[in-house]
Protein backbone atom coordinates (compact mmCIF):
# COMPACT_ATOMS: atom_id res chain seq x y z
CA GLN A 1 108.21 106.61 278.22
CA ILE A 2 111.28 106.48 280.54
CA ALA A 3 114.25 104.52 279.35
CA PRO A 4 116.37 103.83 282.44
CA SER A 5 119.54 102.78 280.72
CA ARG A 6 121.56 102.90 277.41
CA ASP A 7 120.69 99.26 276.78
CA SER A 8 116.88 100.03 277.09
CA VAL A 9 117.25 102.78 274.47
CA LEU A 10 119.14 100.49 272.16
CA ALA A 11 116.41 97.84 272.61
CA LEU A 12 113.82 100.38 271.46
CA VAL A 13 115.98 101.17 268.42
CA LYS A 14 116.30 97.42 267.56
CA LYS A 15 112.49 96.97 267.84
CA GLY A 16 112.02 99.89 265.39
CA LEU A 17 110.25 102.17 267.99
CA ILE A 18 112.94 104.77 267.73
CA ARG A 19 113.58 105.35 263.95
CA TYR A 20 113.69 108.59 262.00
CA ALA A 21 113.86 109.60 258.42
CA ALA A 22 115.16 113.03 259.53
CA PHE A 23 116.57 114.55 262.78
CA GLU A 24 117.46 118.16 263.45
CA ARG A 25 118.66 119.60 266.68
CA ARG A 26 118.99 123.32 267.46
CA ILE A 27 120.96 124.12 270.50
CA GLU A 28 119.83 127.32 272.19
CA SER A 29 121.72 127.24 275.44
CA ILE A 30 124.73 125.39 276.92
CA ARG A 31 125.46 125.94 280.62
CA PHE A 32 128.58 124.61 282.43
CA SER A 33 129.15 123.94 286.05
CA ALA A 34 132.39 122.17 287.03
CA ASN A 35 132.26 118.89 285.15
CA ILE A 36 128.52 119.14 284.21
CA ALA A 37 127.13 120.64 281.02
CA ILE A 38 123.36 121.22 280.52
CA VAL A 39 122.29 121.54 276.83
CA MET A 40 118.86 122.90 275.97
CA GLY A 41 117.01 123.60 272.73
CA ALA A 42 114.53 122.27 270.15
CA GLU A 43 114.47 119.23 267.82
CA THR A 44 112.40 118.32 264.74
CA VAL A 45 112.12 114.60 263.84
CA GLU A 46 110.34 112.62 261.19
CA PRO A 47 109.49 109.16 262.71
CA VAL A 48 109.13 106.20 260.33
CA GLY A 49 108.18 102.52 260.57
CA GLU A 50 106.87 101.36 263.85
CA ALA A 51 107.83 104.58 265.65
CA LEU A 52 105.14 106.60 267.39
CA ARG A 53 103.71 109.35 265.06
CA ALA A 54 105.36 107.72 261.95
CA GLY A 55 104.66 109.63 258.75
CA GLY A 56 104.45 112.96 260.48
CA THR A 57 106.80 115.64 261.87
CA VAL A 58 107.40 116.13 265.62
CA GLU A 59 108.60 119.31 267.13
CA ARG A 60 109.88 118.94 270.60
CA ARG A 61 111.99 120.60 273.33
CA PHE A 62 115.02 118.77 274.86
CA THR A 63 117.37 119.02 277.75
CA ASN A 64 120.58 116.84 277.75
CA ILE A 65 122.88 116.57 280.77
CA TRP A 66 126.38 115.68 280.28
CA ARG A 67 129.22 114.87 282.81
CA LYS A 68 132.99 115.05 281.95
CA GLN A 69 134.91 112.16 283.21
CA ASP A 70 138.63 112.33 282.60
CA ALA A 71 138.74 113.79 279.07
CA THR A 72 135.46 112.37 277.80
CA TRP A 73 131.79 113.71 278.05
CA HIS A 74 129.04 111.28 278.83
CA MET A 75 125.33 111.96 278.59
CA ILE A 76 123.92 111.04 282.05
CA ALA A 77 120.21 112.25 281.55
CA ARG A 78 117.91 113.39 278.76
CA HIS A 79 114.47 114.69 278.48
CA ALA A 80 112.50 115.52 275.33
CA ASN A 81 108.89 116.67 275.24
CA ALA A 82 106.75 116.96 272.12
CA ILE A 83 105.15 120.44 271.48
CA ALA A 84 101.44 120.13 271.20
């Protein structure tokens, strides 16, 4: 599912569709280009409640893209894909 904004992600959290008992992120690479950082790696999550795959463990790959504005980094895009 694509969440087009921060507010849409927060709405999914409030509905209980994004909820984890455990979350681990392993960063494998960070690449910088001017004011952009691309972070890649793996995540392990344990969804609970109404979240998809609740009661199991999900391994996934992720890419987070950050932009530095003034002195603060802001995530501008994220992709995560479950490993089959």
